Amino acid sequence: VQLQASGGGLVQAGGSLRLSCAASGRTFREYSLNWYRQAPGKEREPVATVTSFGVTNYAASVRGRFTVSRDNAANTVHLQMNSLKPEDTAVYYCAARGGGAVYWGQGTLVTVSS
């Protein structure tokens, strides 16, 4: 599985961005899809998950502001980010988990200015 993330950029606090991650592979619908982020000087942390059944889960820090969704027909997962805060600044990565393996995308930078 190859993943390509896009949609990052510079936004003011309170603004919105929508990240997308396009995946290759015919078994896309079988994977759990995840968004992670890594801020400068910090560990990579999970942000949101959508399972193969469509069940979603969010980190407490983003719950109510971020929405993860998947489009199996288009082999794409999205992360809608609203009410962005400066502390959301990070490189965001998408990942696909399935069959005992984890596949990572290359990351897209989100910068939120105050």
PDB file of N, CA and C in Angstrom:
ATOM      1  N   VAL A   1       0.854  -1.182   0.000  1.00  0.00           N
ATOM      2  CA  VAL A   1       0.000   0.000   0.000  1.00  0.00           C
ATOM      3  C   VAL A   1       0.892   1.234   0.000  1.00  0.00           C
ATOM      4  N   GLN A   2       0.610   2.152  -0.901  1.00  0.00           N
ATOM      5  CA  GLN A   2       1.322   3.430  -0.920  1.00  0.00           C
ATOM      6  C   GLN A   2       0.334   4.535  -0.606  1.00  0.00           C
ATOM      7  N   LEU A   3       0.766   5.468   0.242  1.00  0.00           N
ATOM      8  CA  LEU A   3      -0.103   6.535   0.706  1.00  0.00           C
ATOM      9  C   LEU A   3       0.507   7.884   0.344  1.00  0.00           C
ATOM     10  N   GLN A   4      -0.347   8.806  -0.090  1.00  0.00           N
ATOM     11  CA  GLN A   4       0.101  10.141  -0.473  1.00  0.00           C
ATOM     12  C   GLN A   4      -0.806  11.152   0.207  1.00  0.00           C
ATOM     13  N   ALA A   5      -0.237  11.872   1.173  1.00  0.00           N
ATOM     14  CA  ALA A   5      -1.001  12.878   1.916  1.00  0.00           C
ATOM     15  C   ALA A   5      -0.879  14.236   1.243  1.00  0.00           C
ATOM     16  N   SER A   6      -1.931  15.036   1.382  1.00  0.00           N
ATOM     17  CA  SER A   6      -1.928  16.383   0.823  1.00  0.00           C
ATOM     18  C   SER A   6      -2.883  17.254   1.625  1.00  0.00           C
ATOM     19  N   GLY A   7      -2.826  18.568   1.365  1.00  0.00           N
ATOM     20  CA  GLY A   7      -3.781  19.483   1.969  1.00  0.00           C
ATOM     21  C   GLY A   7      -3.235  20.344   3.083  1.00  0.00           C
ATOM     22  N   GLY A   8      -1.998  20.117   3.476  1.00  0.00           N
ATOM     23  CA  GLY A   8      -1.423  20.936   4.523  1.00  0.00           C
ATOM     24  C   GLY A   8      -1.178  22.358   4.052  1.00  0.00           C
ATOM     25  N   GLY A   9      -0.869  23.235   5.009  1.00  0.00           N
ATOM     26  CA  GLY A   9      -0.593  24.617   4.665  1.00  0.00           C
ATOM     27  C   GLY A   9      -0.577  25.498   5.893  1.00  0.00           C
ATOM     28  N   LEU A  10      -0.600  26.787   5.634  1.00  0.00           N
ATOM     29  CA  LEU A  10      -0.586  27.795   6.693  1.00  0.00           C
ATOM     30  C   LEU A  10      -1.989  28.360   6.858  1.00  0.00           C
ATOM     31  N   VAL A  11      -2.456  28.389   8.093  1.00  0.00           N
ATOM     32  CA  VAL A  11      -3.794  28.896   8.375  1.00  0.00           C
ATOM     33  C   VAL A  11      -3.767  29.653   9.690  1.00  0.00           C
ATOM     34  N   GLN A  12      -4.638  30.636   9.822  1.00  0.00           N
ATOM     35  CA  GLN A  12      -4.736  31.380  11.073  1.00  0.00           C
ATOM     36  C   GLN A  12      -5.527  30.584  12.097  1.00  0.00           C
ATOM     37  N   ALA A  13      -5.263  30.854  13.349  1.00  0.00           N
ATOM     38  CA  ALA A  13      -6.012  30.214  14.423  1.00  0.00           C
ATOM     39  C   ALA A  13      -7.500  30.446  14.215  1.00  0.00           C
ATOM     40  N   GLY A  14      -8.276  29.391  14.424  1.00  0.00           N
ATOM     41  CA  GLY A  14      -9.712  29.448  14.196  1.00  0.00           C
ATOM     42  C   GLY A  14     -10.124  29.006  12.807  1.00  0.00           C
ATOM     43  N   GLY A  15      -9.153  28.859  11.928  1.00  0.00           N
ATOM     44  CA  GLY A  15      -9.444  28.469  10.563  1.00  0.00           C
ATOM     45  C   GLY A  15      -9.591  26.971  10.394  1.00  0.00           C
ATOM     46  N   SER A  16      -9.735  26.564   9.144  1.00  0.00           N
ATOM     47  CA  SER A  16      -9.961  25.152   8.819  1.00  0.00           C
ATOM     48  C   SER A  16      -9.029  24.699   7.704  1.00  0.00           C
ATOM     49  N   LEU A  17      -8.736  23.431   7.721  1.00  0.00           N
ATOM     50  CA  LEU A  17      -8.020  22.764   6.638  1.00  0.00           C
ATOM     51  C   LEU A  17      -8.591  21.371   6.474  1.00  0.00           C
ATOM     52  N   ARG A  18      -8.471  20.858   5.275  1.00  0.00           N
ATOM     53  CA  ARG A  18      -8.893  19.485   5.018  1.00  0.00           C
ATOM     54  C   ARG A  18      -7.721  18.716   4.430  1.00  0.00           C
ATOM     55  N   LEU A  19      -7.281  17.724   5.150  1.00  0.00           N
ATOM     56  CA  LEU A  19      -6.210  16.870   4.669  1.00  0.00           C
ATOM     57  C   LEU A  19      -6.810  15.671   3.953  1.00  0.00           C
ATOM     58  N   SER A  20      -6.099  15.217   2.950  1.00  0.00           N
ATOM     59  CA  SER A  20      -6.508  14.024   2.225  1.00  0.00           C
ATOM     60  C   SER A  20      -5.325  13.077   2.113  1.00  0.00           C
ATOM     61  N   CYS A  21      -5.634  11.806   2.017  1.00  0.00           N
ATOM     62  CA  CYS A  21      -4.599  10.798   1.854  1.00  0.00           C
ATOM     63  C   CYS A  21      -5.116   9.780   0.849  1.00  0.00           C
ATOM     64  N   ALA A  22      -4.458   9.728  -0.285  1.00  0.00           N
ATOM     65  CA  ALA A  22      -4.838   8.802  -1.340  1.00  0.00           C
ATOM     66  C   ALA A  22      -3.989   7.551  -1.251  1.00  0.00           C
ATOM     67  N   ALA A  23      -4.631   6.411  -1.378  1.00  0.00           N
ATOM     68  CA  ALA A  23      -3.932   5.139  -1.228  1.00  0.00           C
ATOM     69  C   ALA A  23      -4.043   4.290  -2.480  1.00  0.00           C
ATOM     70  N   SER A  24      -3.035   3.505  -2.709  1.00  0.00           N
ATOM     71  CA  SER A  24      -3.085   2.514  -3.778  1.00  0.00           C
ATOM     72  C   SER A  24      -3.495   1.175  -3.175  1.00  0.00           C
ATOM     73  N   GLY A  25      -3.839   0.221  -4.001  1.00  0.00           N
ATOM     74  CA  GLY A  25      -4.134  -1.107  -3.475  1.00  0.00           C
ATOM     75  C   GLY A  25      -5.604  -1.448  -3.542  1.00  0.00           C
ATOM     76  N   ARG A  26      -5.884  -2.678  -3.904  1.00  0.00           N
ATOM     77  CA  ARG A  26      -7.273  -3.102  -4.066  1.00  0.00           C
ATOM     78  C   ARG A  26      -7.937  -3.463  -2.756  1.00  0.00           C
ATOM     79  N   THR A  27      -7.153  -3.605  -1.675  1.00  0.00           N
ATOM     80  CA  THR A  27      -7.725  -4.018  -0.401  1.00  0.00           C
ATOM     81  C   THR A  27      -7.876  -2.842   0.550  1.00  0.00           C
ATOM     82  N   PHE A  28      -7.954  -1.640   0.024  1.00  0.00           N
ATOM     83  CA  PHE A  28      -8.040  -0.422   0.831  1.00  0.00           C
ATOM     84  C   PHE A  28      -9.144  -0.531   1.862  1.00  0.00           C
ATOM     85  N   ARG A  29     -10.288  -1.058   1.491  1.00  0.00           N
ATOM     86  CA  ARG A  29     -11.432  -1.067   2.404  1.00  0.00           C
ATOM     87  C   ARG A  29     -11.206  -1.956   3.620  1.00  0.00           C
ATOM     88  N   GLU A  30     -10.214  -2.821   3.568  1.00  0.00           N
ATOM     89  CA  GLU A  30      -9.947  -3.728   4.679  1.00  0.00           C
ATOM     90  C   GLU A  30      -9.061  -3.107   5.750  1.00  0.00           C
ATOM     91  N   TYR A  31      -8.500  -1.959   5.459  1.00  0.00           N
ATOM     92  CA  TYR A  31      -7.541  -1.347   6.367  1.00  0.00           C
ATOM     93  C   TYR A  31      -8.197  -0.375   7.343  1.00  0.00           C
ATOM     94  N   SER A  32      -7.651  -0.341   8.542  1.00  0.00           N
ATOM     95  CA  SER A  32      -7.918   0.746   9.464  1.00  0.00           C
ATOM     96  C   SER A  32      -7.033   1.911   9.044  1.00  0.00           C
ATOM     97  N   LEU A  33      -7.621   3.090   8.967  1.00  0.00           N
ATOM     98  CA  LEU A  33      -6.892   4.268   8.490  1.00  0.00           C
ATOM     99  C   LEU A  33      -6.709   5.256   9.639  1.00  0.00           C
ATOM    100  N   ASN A  34      -5.518   5.771   9.738  1.00  0.00           N
ATOM    101  CA  ASN A  34      -5.164   6.588  10.888  1.00  0.00           C
ATOM    102  C   ASN A  34      -4.480   7.881  10.459  1.00  0.00           C
ATOM    103  N   TRP A  35      -4.690   8.898  11.227  1.00  0.00           N
ATOM    104  CA  TRP A  35      -3.922  10.136  11.113  1.00  0.00           C
ATOM    105  C   TRP A  35      -3.097  10.293  12.395  1.00  0.00           C
ATOM    106  N   TYR A  36      -1.845  10.618  12.201  1.00  0.00           N
ATOM    107  CA  TYR A  36      -0.934  10.930  13.292  1.00  0.00           C
ATOM    108  C   TYR A  36      -0.364  12.322  13.039  1.00  0.00           C
ATOM    109  N   ARG A  37       0.245  12.885  14.065  1.00  0.00           N
ATOM    110  CA  ARG A  37       0.956  14.148  13.863  1.00  0.00           C
ATOM    111  C   ARG A  37       2.202  14.173  14.749  1.00  0.00           C
ATOM    112  N   GLN A  38       3.147  14.943  14.280  1.00  0.00           N
ATOM    113  CA  GLN A  38       4.383  15.115  15.036  1.00  0.00           C
ATOM    114  C   GLN A  38       4.766  16.583  15.029  1.00  0.00           C
ATOM    115  N   ALA A  39       4.704  17.180  16.201  1.00  0.00           N
ATOM    116  CA  ALA A  39       5.096  18.581  16.358  1.00  0.00           C
ATOM    117  C   ALA A  39       6.598  18.651  16.584  1.00  0.00           C
ATOM    118  N   PRO A  40       7.203  19.797  16.306  1.00  0.00           N
ATOM    119  CA  PRO A  40       8.654  19.939  16.497  1.00  0.00           C
ATOM    120  C   PRO A  40       9.065  19.586  17.919  1.00  0.00           C
ATOM    121  N   GLY A  41      10.038  18.708  18.031  1.00  0.00           N
ATOM    122  CA  GLY A  41      10.559  18.331  19.330  1.00  0.00           C
ATOM    123  C   GLY A  41       9.686  17.389  20.127  1.00  0.00           C
ATOM    124  N   LYS A  42       8.628  16.881  19.510  1.00  0.00           N
ATOM    125  CA  LYS A  42       7.712  15.999  20.234  1.00  0.00           C
ATOM    126  C   LYS A  42       7.604  14.651  19.533  1.00  0.00           C
ATOM    127  N   GLU A  43       7.047  13.686  20.274  1.00  0.00           N
ATOM    128  CA  GLU A  43       6.819  12.362  19.723  1.00  0.00           C
ATOM    129  C   GLU A  43       5.620  12.388  18.768  1.00  0.00           C
ATOM    130  N   ARG A  44       5.634  11.469  17.828  1.00  0.00           N
ATOM    131  CA  ARG A  44       4.473  11.317  16.960  1.00  0.00           C
ATOM    132  C   ARG A  44       3.305  10.806  17.800  1.00  0.00           C
ATOM    133  N   GLU A  45       2.136  11.376  17.574  1.00  0.00           N
ATOM    134  CA  GLU A  45       0.969  10.996  18.366  1.00  0.00           C
ATOM    135  C   GLU A  45      -0.231  10.712  17.460  1.00  0.00           C
ATOM    136  N   PRO A  46      -1.086   9.808  17.887  1.00  0.00           N
ATOM    137  CA  PRO A  46      -2.290   9.523  17.100  1.00  0.00           C
ATOM    138  C   PRO A  46      -3.284  10.671  17.203  1.00  0.00           C
ATOM    139  N   VAL A  47      -3.971  10.936  16.130  1.00  0.00           N
ATOM    140  CA  VAL A  47      -4.954  12.007  16.063  1.00  0.00           C
ATOM    141  C   VAL A  47      -6.355  11.447  15.856  1.00  0.00           C
ATOM    142  N   ALA A  48      -6.515  10.600  14.862  1.00  0.00           N
ATOM    143  CA  ALA A  48      -7.844  10.090  14.528  1.00  0.00           C
ATOM    144  C   ALA A  48      -7.713   8.769  13.804  1.00  0.00           C
ATOM    145  N   THR A  49      -8.757   7.957  13.959  1.00  0.00           N
ATOM    146  CA  THR A  49      -8.800   6.640  13.330  1.00  0.00           C
ATOM    147  C   THR A  49     -10.181   6.410  12.757  1.00  0.00           C
ATOM    148  N   VAL A  50     -10.218   5.765  11.610  1.00  0.00           N
ATOM    149  CA  VAL A  50     -11.489   5.241  11.094  1.00  0.00           C
ATOM    150  C   VAL A  50     -11.227   3.791  10.700  1.00  0.00           C
ATOM    151  N   THR A  51     -11.966   2.880  11.310  1.00  0.00           N
ATOM    152  CA  THR A  51     -11.746   1.454  11.067  1.00  0.00           C
ATOM    153  C   THR A  51     -12.372   1.027   9.736  1.00  0.00           C
ATOM    154  N   SER A  52     -12.137  -0.228   9.387  1.00  0.00           N
ATOM    155  CA  SER A  52     -12.725  -0.763   8.157  1.00  0.00           C
ATOM    156  C   SER A  52     -14.250  -0.807   8.245  1.00  0.00           C
ATOM    157  N   PHE A  53     -14.784  -0.755   9.461  1.00  0.00           N
ATOM    158  CA  PHE A  53     -16.236  -0.740   9.656  1.00  0.00           C
ATOM    159  C   PHE A  53     -16.789   0.673   9.735  1.00  0.00           C
ATOM    160  N   GLY A  54     -15.899   1.670   9.646  1.00  0.00           N
ATOM    161  CA  GLY A  54     -16.357   3.048   9.698  1.00  0.00           C
ATOM    162  C   GLY A  54     -16.442   3.624  11.092  1.00  0.00           C
ATOM    163  N   VAL A  55     -15.935   2.902  12.084  1.00  0.00           N
ATOM    164  CA  VAL A  55     -15.934   3.402  13.454  1.00  0.00           C
ATOM    165  C   VAL A  55     -14.783   4.398  13.616  1.00  0.00           C
ATOM    166  N   THR A  56     -15.083   5.535  14.202  1.00  0.00           N
ATOM    167  CA  THR A  56     -14.071   6.578  14.352  1.00  0.00           C
ATOM    168  C   THR A  56     -13.662   6.754  15.809  1.00  0.00           C
ATOM    169  N   ASN A  57     -12.456   7.242  15.976  1.00  0.00           N
ATOM    170  CA  ASN A  57     -11.948   7.530  17.307  1.00  0.00           C
ATOM    171  C   ASN A  57     -10.995   8.717  17.191  1.00  0.00           C
ATOM    172  N   TYR A  58     -10.964   9.539  18.232  1.00  0.00           N
ATOM    173  CA  TYR A  58     -10.178  10.767  18.181  1.00  0.00           C
ATOM    174  C   TYR A  58      -9.370  10.951  19.460  1.00  0.00           C
ATOM    175  N   ALA A  59      -8.243  11.609  19.315  1.00  0.00           N
ATOM    176  CA  ALA A  59      -7.514  12.057  20.489  1.00  0.00           C
ATOM    177  C   ALA A  59      -8.348  13.116  21.201  1.00  0.00           C
ATOM    178  N   ALA A  60      -8.219  13.162  22.497  1.00  0.00           N
ATOM    179  CA  ALA A  60      -9.015  14.110  23.283  1.00  0.00           C
ATOM    180  C   ALA A  60      -8.761  15.554  22.854  1.00  0.00           C
ATOM    181  N   SER A  61      -7.552  15.833  22.436  1.00  0.00           N
ATOM    182  CA  SER A  61      -7.175  17.203  22.087  1.00  0.00           C
ATOM    183  C   SER A  61      -7.856  17.712  20.815  1.00  0.00           C
ATOM    184  N   VAL A  62      -8.377  16.801  19.989  1.00  0.00           N
ATOM    185  CA  VAL A  62      -8.982  17.217  18.724  1.00  0.00           C
ATOM    186  C   VAL A  62     -10.459  16.858  18.632  1.00  0.00           C
ATOM    187  N   ARG A  63     -10.937  16.111  19.604  1.00  0.00           N
ATOM    188  CA  ARG A  63     -12.336  15.662  19.544  1.00  0.00           C
ATOM    189  C   ARG A  63     -13.271  16.867  19.531  1.00  0.00           C
ATOM    190  N   GLY A  64     -14.235  16.815  18.608  1.00  0.00           N
ATOM    191  CA  GLY A  64     -15.169  17.924  18.468  1.00  0.00           C
ATOM    192  C   GLY A  64     -14.719  18.971  17.467  1.00  0.00           C
ATOM    193  N   ARG A  65     -13.452  18.935  17.077  1.00  0.00           N
ATOM    194  CA  ARG A  65     -12.932  19.887  16.099  1.00  0.00           C
ATOM    195  C   ARG A  65     -12.528  19.215  14.792  1.00  0.00           C
ATOM    196  N   PHE A  66     -12.056  17.991  14.885  1.00  0.00           N
ATOM    197  CA  PHE A  66     -11.586  17.248  13.713  1.00  0.00           C
ATOM    198  C   PHE A  66     -12.578  16.144  13.378  1.00  0.00           C
ATOM    199  N   THR A  67     -12.688  15.839  12.095  1.00  0.00           N
ATOM    200  CA  THR A  67     -13.541  14.747  11.635  1.00  0.00           C
ATOM    201  C   THR A  67     -12.785  13.919  10.606  1.00  0.00           C
ATOM    202  N   VAL A  68     -12.698  12.634  10.853  1.00  0.00           N
ATOM    203  CA  VAL A  68     -12.043  11.725   9.914  1.00  0.00           C
ATOM    204  C   VAL A  68     -13.122  10.981   9.131  1.00  0.00           C
ATOM    205  N   SER A  69     -12.867  10.786   7.844  1.00  0.00           N
ATOM    206  CA  SER A  69     -13.821  10.067   7.006  1.00  0.00           C
ATOM    207  C   SER A  69     -13.042   9.306   5.935  1.00  0.00           C
ATOM    208  N   ARG A  70     -13.689   8.287   5.411  1.00  0.00           N
ATOM    209  CA  ARG A  70     -13.031   7.510   4.367  1.00  0.00           C
ATOM    210  C   ARG A  70     -13.980   7.333   3.189  1.00  0.00           C
ATOM    211  N   ASP A  71     -13.391   7.265   2.024  1.00  0.00           N
ATOM    212  CA  ASP A  71     -14.140   7.029   0.787  1.00  0.00           C
ATOM    213  C   ASP A  71     -13.498   5.804   0.145  1.00  0.00           C
ATOM    214  N   ASN A  72     -14.091   4.659   0.383  1.00  0.00           N
ATOM    215  CA  ASN A  72     -13.487   3.422  -0.118  1.00  0.00           C
ATOM    216  C   ASN A  72     -13.496   3.351  -1.644  1.00  0.00           C
ATOM    217  N   ALA A  73     -14.489   3.952  -2.263  1.00  0.00           N
ATOM    218  CA  ALA A  73     -14.548   3.935  -3.727  1.00  0.00           C
ATOM    219  C   ALA A  73     -13.385   4.711  -4.336  1.00  0.00           C
ATOM    220  N   ALA A  74     -12.952   5.757  -3.628  1.00  0.00           N
ATOM    221  CA  ALA A  74     -11.862   6.591  -4.127  1.00  0.00           C
ATOM    222  C   ALA A  74     -10.527   6.277  -3.459  1.00  0.00           C
ATOM    223  N   ASN A  75     -10.512   5.258  -2.590  1.00  0.00           N
ATOM    224  CA  ASN A  75      -9.280   4.906  -1.856  1.00  0.00           C
ATOM    225  C   ASN A  75      -8.666   6.119  -1.166  1.00  0.00           C
ATOM    226  N   THR A  76      -9.505   6.862  -0.480  1.00  0.00           N
ATOM    227  CA  THR A  76      -9.048   8.104   0.131  1.00  0.00           C
ATOM    228  C   THR A  76      -9.583   8.219   1.546  1.00  0.00           C
ATOM    229  N   VAL A  77      -8.770   8.802   2.406  1.00  0.00           N
ATOM    230  CA  VAL A  77      -9.199   9.143   3.749  1.00  0.00           C
ATOM    231  C   VAL A  77      -8.956  10.636   3.936  1.00  0.00           C
ATOM    232  N   HIS A  78      -9.894  11.286   4.633  1.00  0.00           N
ATOM    233  CA  HIS A  78      -9.812  12.720   4.832  1.00  0.00           C
ATOM    234  C   HIS A  78      -9.761  13.044   6.318  1.00  0.00           C
ATOM    235  N   LEU A  79      -9.198  14.197   6.609  1.00  0.00           N
ATOM    236  CA  LEU A  79      -9.241  14.722   7.965  1.00  0.00           C
ATOM    237  C   LEU A  79      -9.661  16.187   7.864  1.00  0.00           C
ATOM    238  N   GLN A  80     -10.893  16.462   8.239  1.00  0.00           N
ATOM    239  CA  GLN A  80     -11.393  17.829   8.269  1.00  0.00           C
ATOM    240  C   GLN A  80     -11.033  18.429   9.618  1.00  0.00           C
ATOM    241  N   MET A  81     -10.294  19.523   9.585  1.00  0.00           N
ATOM    242  CA  MET A  81      -9.813  20.149  10.814  1.00  0.00           C
ATOM    243  C   MET A  81     -10.410  21.546  10.918  1.00  0.00           C
ATOM    244  N   ASN A  82     -11.215  21.746  11.926  1.00  0.00           N
ATOM    245  CA  ASN A  82     -11.850  23.043  12.169  1.00  0.00           C
ATOM    246  C   ASN A  82     -11.352  23.638  13.482  1.00  0.00           C
ATOM    247  N   SER A  83     -11.602  24.918  13.647  1.00  0.00           N
ATOM    248  CA  SER A  83     -11.213  25.616  14.883  1.00  0.00           C
ATOM    249  C   SER A  83      -9.764  25.329  15.243  1.00  0.00           C
ATOM    250  N   LEU A  84      -8.905  25.462  14.270  1.00  0.00           N
ATOM    251  CA  LEU A  84      -7.503  25.113  14.472  1.00  0.00           C
ATOM    252  C   LEU A  84      -6.841  26.038  15.486  1.00  0.00           C
ATOM    253  N   LYS A  85      -5.912  25.454  16.223  1.00  0.00           N
ATOM    254  CA  LYS A  85      -5.175  26.169  17.261  1.00  0.00           C
ATOM    255  C   LYS A  85      -3.685  26.115  16.938  1.00  0.00           C
ATOM    256  N   PRO A  86      -2.919  27.057  17.448  1.00  0.00           N
ATOM    257  CA  PRO A  86      -1.463  27.001  17.204  1.00  0.00           C
ATOM    258  C   PRO A  86      -0.843  25.676  17.639  1.00  0.00           C
ATOM    259  N   GLU A  87      -1.387  25.069  18.671  1.00  0.00           N
ATOM    260  CA  GLU A  87      -0.829  23.792  19.136  1.00  0.00           C
ATOM    261  C   GLU A  87      -1.147  22.625  18.203  1.00  0.00           C
ATOM    262  N   ASP A  88      -1.954  22.861  17.182  1.00  0.00           N
ATOM    263  CA  ASP A  88      -2.181  21.837  16.166  1.00  0.00           C
ATOM    264  C   ASP A  88      -1.071  21.826  15.111  1.00  0.00           C
ATOM    265  N   THR A  89      -0.181  22.773  15.182  1.00  0.00           N
ATOM    266  CA  THR A  89       0.931  22.833  14.236  1.00  0.00           C
ATOM    267  C   THR A  89       1.780  21.576  14.337  1.00  0.00           C
ATOM    268  N   ALA A  90       1.948  20.899  13.203  1.00  0.00           N
ATOM    269  CA  ALA A  90       2.683  19.636  13.178  1.00  0.00           C
ATOM    270  C   ALA A  90       2.748  19.134  11.738  1.00  0.00           C
ATOM    271  N   VAL A  91       3.564  18.122  11.548  1.00  0.00           N
ATOM    272  CA  VAL A  91       3.506  17.345  10.321  1.00  0.00           C
ATOM    273  C   VAL A  91       2.485  16.232  10.552  1.00  0.00           C
ATOM    274  N   TYR A  92       1.527  16.141   9.660  1.00  0.00           N
ATOM    275  CA  TYR A  92       0.460  15.158   9.777  1.00  0.00           C
ATOM    276  C   TYR A  92       0.737  14.003   8.818  1.00  0.00           C
ATOM    277  N   TYR A  93       0.618  12.810   9.353  1.00  0.00           N
ATOM    278  CA  TYR A  93       0.874  11.591   8.590  1.00  0.00           C
ATOM    279  C   TYR A  93      -0.380  10.728   8.543  1.00  0.00           C
ATOM    280  N   CYS A  94      -0.605  10.110   7.413  1.00  0.00           N
ATOM    281  CA  CYS A  94      -1.652   9.099   7.344  1.00  0.00           C
ATOM    282  C   CYS A  94      -0.993   7.719   7.381  1.00  0.00           C
ATOM    283  N   ALA A  95      -1.724   6.758   7.890  1.00  0.00           N
ATOM    284  CA  ALA A  95      -1.219   5.389   7.992  1.00  0.00           C
ATOM    285  C   ALA A  95      -2.365   4.426   7.762  1.00  0.00           C
ATOM    286  N   ALA A  96      -2.029   3.294   7.193  1.00  0.00           N
ATOM    287  CA  ALA A  96      -3.000   2.224   6.968  1.00  0.00           C
ATOM    288  C   ALA A  96      -2.521   0.983   7.703  1.00  0.00           C
ATOM    289  N   ARG A  97      -3.423   0.414   8.491  1.00  0.00           N
ATOM    290  CA  ARG A  97      -3.078  -0.776   9.271  1.00  0.00           C
ATOM    291  C   ARG A  97      -3.942  -1.946   8.826  1.00  0.00           C
ATOM    292  N   GLY A  98      -3.287  -3.077   8.589  1.00  0.00           N
ATOM    293  CA  GLY A  98      -4.041  -4.256   8.224  1.00  0.00           C
ATOM    294  C   GLY A  98      -3.120  -5.410   7.920  1.00  0.00           C
ATOM    295  N   GLY A  99      -3.584  -6.617   8.143  1.00  0.00           N
ATOM    296  CA  GLY A  99      -2.786  -7.798   7.846  1.00  0.00           C
ATOM    297  C   GLY A  99      -1.478  -7.837   8.594  1.00  0.00           C
ATOM    298  N   GLY A 100      -1.452  -7.232   9.780  1.00  0.00           N
ATOM    299  CA  GLY A 100      -0.230  -7.247  10.577  1.00  0.00           C
ATOM    300  C   GLY A 100       0.812  -6.235  10.144  1.00  0.00           C
ATOM    301  N   ALA A 101       0.482  -5.379   9.203  1.00  0.00           N
ATOM    302  CA  ALA A 101       1.443  -4.405   8.699  1.00  0.00           C
ATOM    303  C   ALA A 101       0.902  -2.988   8.886  1.00  0.00           C
ATOM    304  N   VAL A 102       1.817  -2.029   8.877  1.00  0.00           N
ATOM    305  CA  VAL A 102       1.472  -0.616   8.931  1.00  0.00           C
ATOM    306  C   VAL A 102       2.185   0.080   7.780  1.00  0.00           C
ATOM    307  N   TYR A 103       1.435   0.856   7.043  1.00  0.00           N
ATOM    308  CA  TYR A 103       1.992   1.599   5.909  1.00  0.00           C
ATOM    309  C   TYR A 103       1.837   3.085   6.203  1.00  0.00           C
ATOM    310  N   TRP A 104       2.885   3.866   5.907  1.00  0.00           N
ATOM    311  CA  TRP A 104       2.895   5.295   6.225  1.00  0.00           C
ATOM    312  C   TRP A 104       2.972   6.130   4.960  1.00  0.00           C
ATOM    313  N   GLY A 105       2.266   7.256   5.019  1.00  0.00           N
ATOM    314  CA  GLY A 105       2.427   8.265   3.998  1.00  0.00           C
ATOM    315  C   GLY A 105       3.589   9.174   4.350  1.00  0.00           C
ATOM    316  N   GLN A 106       3.876  10.145   3.499  1.00  0.00           N
ATOM    317  CA  GLN A 106       5.070  10.962   3.645  1.00  0.00           C
ATOM    318  C   GLN A 106       4.882  12.167   4.559  1.00  0.00           C
ATOM    319  N   GLY A 107       3.686  12.501   4.951  1.00  0.00           N
ATOM    320  CA  GLY A 107       3.473  13.629   5.833  1.00  0.00           C
ATOM    321  C   GLY A 107       3.177  14.915   5.091  1.00  0.00           C
ATOM    322  N   THR A 108       2.344  15.749   5.715  1.00  0.00           N
ATOM    323  CA  THR A 108       2.032  17.062   5.165  1.00  0.00           C
ATOM    324  C   THR A 108       2.037  18.056   6.327  1.00  0.00           C
ATOM    325  N   LEU A 109       2.655  19.205   6.124  1.00  0.00           N
ATOM    326  CA  LEU A 109       2.867  20.169   7.199  1.00  0.00           C
ATOM    327  C   LEU A 109       1.654  21.082   7.358  1.00  0.00           C
ATOM    328  N   VAL A 110       1.199  21.182   8.590  1.00  0.00           N
ATOM    329  CA  VAL A 110       0.130  22.114   8.962  1.00  0.00           C
ATOM    330  C   VAL A 110       0.720  23.128   9.942  1.00  0.00           C
ATOM    331  N   THR A 111       0.589  24.395   9.603  1.00  0.00           N
ATOM    332  CA  THR A 111       1.082  25.463  10.465  1.00  0.00           C
ATOM    333  C   THR A 111      -0.079  26.384  10.795  1.00  0.00           C
ATOM    334  N   VAL A 112      -0.331  26.558  12.085  1.00  0.00           N
ATOM    335  CA  VAL A 112      -1.423  27.409  12.540  1.00  0.00           C
ATOM    336  C   VAL A 112      -0.818  28.616  13.238  1.00  0.00           C
ATOM    337  N   SER A 113      -1.069  29.774  12.699  1.00  0.00           N
ATOM    338  CA  SER A 113      -0.517  31.001  13.266  1.00  0.00           C
ATOM    339  C   SER A 113      -1.504  31.616  14.260  1.00  0.00           C
ATOM    340  N   SER A 114      -0.963  32.264  15.259  1.00  0.00           N
ATOM    341  CA  SER A 114      -1.815  32.866  16.295  1.00  0.00           C
ATOM    342  C   SER A 114      -2.172  34.307  15.953  1.00  0.00           C
TER     343      SER A 114
END
